[in-house]
Amino acid sequence: MNVDFKGFNEQVLTFEADSTVTQKGQWVTISANGKVAQASANSKLVGITVNVRNGYCGVQVCGVVTAAKSGSIELGYTQLVYTADGIKKDTTNGKEHLVLAVDDSTVTFIL
């Protein structure tokens, strides 16, 4: 790809991380007041960890991300969910996101 969407409207919040959140790049869900846990299959996307340290993590909740994908995803506004195999289209349970780019293994979209 010849263009870069990195940096657009990025927003990161700090949360307490439960024991399932151990590394950068994990999709997370809010598990309690001010606390996040690893997202479970078919979770609506809350955010992705940008760092994890000493029981806390930074979670990107807005901006552009690129992630592994599962199945076919169209460009434009598409309902997406998290799965263990990657981000996938789900018109029943998904949250709508603007998909900017798709290739054989990844999807780039705005949270």
Protein backbone atom coordinates (compact mmCIF):
# COMPACT_ATOMS: atom_id res chain seq x y z
CA MET A 1 0.00 0.00 0.00
CA ASN A 2 1.37 3.44 -0.90
CA VAL A 3 -0.56 5.48 1.68
CA ASP A 4 -0.46 5.46 5.47
CA PHE A 5 -3.42 6.06 7.78
CA LYS A 6 -1.39 5.78 11.03
CA GLY A 7 -1.97 8.54 13.53
CA PHE A 8 -5.49 9.52 12.43
CA ASN A 9 -7.52 10.51 15.50
CA GLU A 10 -5.67 8.04 17.77
CA GLN A 11 -6.94 7.96 21.33
CA VAL A 12 -5.51 5.76 24.07
CA LEU A 13 -7.01 5.15 27.51
CA THR A 14 -5.24 3.53 30.47
CA PHE A 15 -7.04 0.62 32.16
CA GLU A 16 -6.23 -1.89 34.87
CA ALA A 17 -5.45 -5.17 33.08
CA ASP A 18 -6.70 -8.52 34.36
CA SER A 19 -4.47 -11.60 34.12
CA THR A 20 -5.63 -12.39 30.54
CA VAL A 21 -4.11 -9.15 29.19
CA THR A 22 -0.39 -9.78 28.80
CA GLN A 23 0.93 -8.14 25.62
CA LYS A 24 0.66 -5.42 23.03
CA GLY A 25 -1.80 -6.14 20.23
CA GLN A 26 -4.53 -7.90 22.21
CA TRP A 27 -8.18 -7.07 21.60
CA VAL A 28 -9.85 -6.31 24.91
CA THR A 29 -13.29 -5.82 26.43
CA ILE A 30 -14.30 -3.94 29.57
CA SER A 31 -14.67 -6.50 32.37
CA ALA A 32 -15.31 -4.23 35.38
CA ASN A 33 -15.14 -0.55 36.27
CA GLY A 34 -11.82 0.68 34.85
CA LYS A 35 -10.63 -2.85 34.04
CA VAL A 36 -10.22 -4.79 30.78
CA ALA A 37 -9.87 -8.47 29.84
CA GLN A 38 -8.96 -10.35 26.66
CA ALA A 39 -11.91 -10.18 24.25
CA SER A 40 -13.82 -13.41 23.78
CA ALA A 41 -14.95 -14.84 20.46
CA ASN A 42 -17.48 -12.66 18.63
CA SER A 43 -16.93 -9.71 20.98
CA LYS A 44 -17.68 -6.26 19.64
CA LEU A 45 -14.41 -4.39 19.26
CA VAL A 46 -13.61 -2.14 22.24
CA GLY A 47 -9.93 -1.52 21.55
CA ILE A 48 -6.47 -2.98 21.15
CA THR A 49 -3.61 -2.82 23.64
CA VAL A 50 -0.69 -0.60 22.71
CA ASN A 51 1.29 -1.46 25.85
CA VAL A 52 0.99 -3.59 28.99
CA ARG A 53 2.99 -2.98 32.15
CA ASN A 54 2.67 -3.56 35.91
CA GLY A 55 -0.99 -4.56 35.83
CA TYR A 56 -2.08 -1.70 33.56
CA CYS A 57 -2.44 -1.28 29.82
CA GLY A 58 -2.92 1.43 27.25
CA VAL A 59 -5.87 0.65 25.00
CA GLN A 60 -6.32 2.37 21.65
CA VAL A 61 -10.06 3.08 21.44
CA CYS A 62 -10.07 5.34 18.38
CA GLY A 63 -7.98 5.72 15.26
CA VAL A 64 -6.76 3.43 12.50
CA VAL A 65 -5.62 -0.16 13.19
CA THR A 66 -4.46 -3.05 11.04
CA ALA A 67 -5.28 -6.55 12.25
CA ALA A 68 -5.36 -10.17 11.10
CA LYS A 69 -8.65 -10.99 9.42
CA SER A 70 -10.86 -14.03 9.07
CA GLY A 71 -13.01 -14.50 5.99
CA SER A 72 -14.08 -11.95 3.44
CA ILE A 73 -14.43 -8.29 4.46
CA GLU A 74 -15.63 -5.52 2.16
CA LEU A 75 -14.31 -1.97 1.98
CA GLY A 76 -16.46 0.81 3.39
CA TYR A 77 -18.70 0.66 6.45
CA THR A 78 -18.82 -2.95 7.65
CA GLN A 79 -19.94 -4.62 10.88
CA LEU A 80 -16.93 -6.33 12.49
CA VAL A 81 -16.29 -8.57 15.51
CA TYR A 82 -13.22 -10.09 17.16
CA THR A 83 -12.58 -13.84 16.82
CA ALA A 84 -9.61 -15.99 17.78
CA ASP A 85 -8.85 -16.32 14.04
CA GLY A 86 -8.92 -12.56 13.42
CA ILE A 87 -11.37 -9.76 12.77
CA LYS A 88 -14.40 -10.91 10.77
CA LYS A 89 -17.56 -9.50 9.25
CA ASP A 90 -20.69 -10.18 11.33
CA THR A 91 -23.89 -8.39 10.34
CA THR A 92 -25.75 -9.74 13.39
CA ASN A 93 -23.36 -9.05 16.29
CA GLY A 94 -20.82 -6.66 14.79
CA LYS A 95 -20.09 -3.01 15.47
CA GLU A 96 -19.88 -0.85 12.34
CA HIS A 97 -16.39 0.36 11.33
CA LEU A 98 -15.01 2.10 8.27
CA VAL A 99 -12.80 -0.43 6.46
CA LEU A 100 -10.02 1.35 4.55
CA ALA A 101 -7.97 -1.54 3.13
CA VAL A 102 -8.09 -5.33 2.90
CA ASP A 103 -5.57 -7.87 1.66
CA ASP A 104 -5.28 -11.67 1.90
CA SER A 105 -4.50 -11.69 5.63
CA THR A 106 -5.20 -8.25 7.16
CA VAL A 107 -7.83 -5.55 7.43
CA THR A 108 -7.20 -1.86 8.12
CA PHE A 109 -10.12 0.03 9.69
CA ILE A 110 -11.09 2.90 11.97
CA LEU A 111 -12.05 1.86 15.49
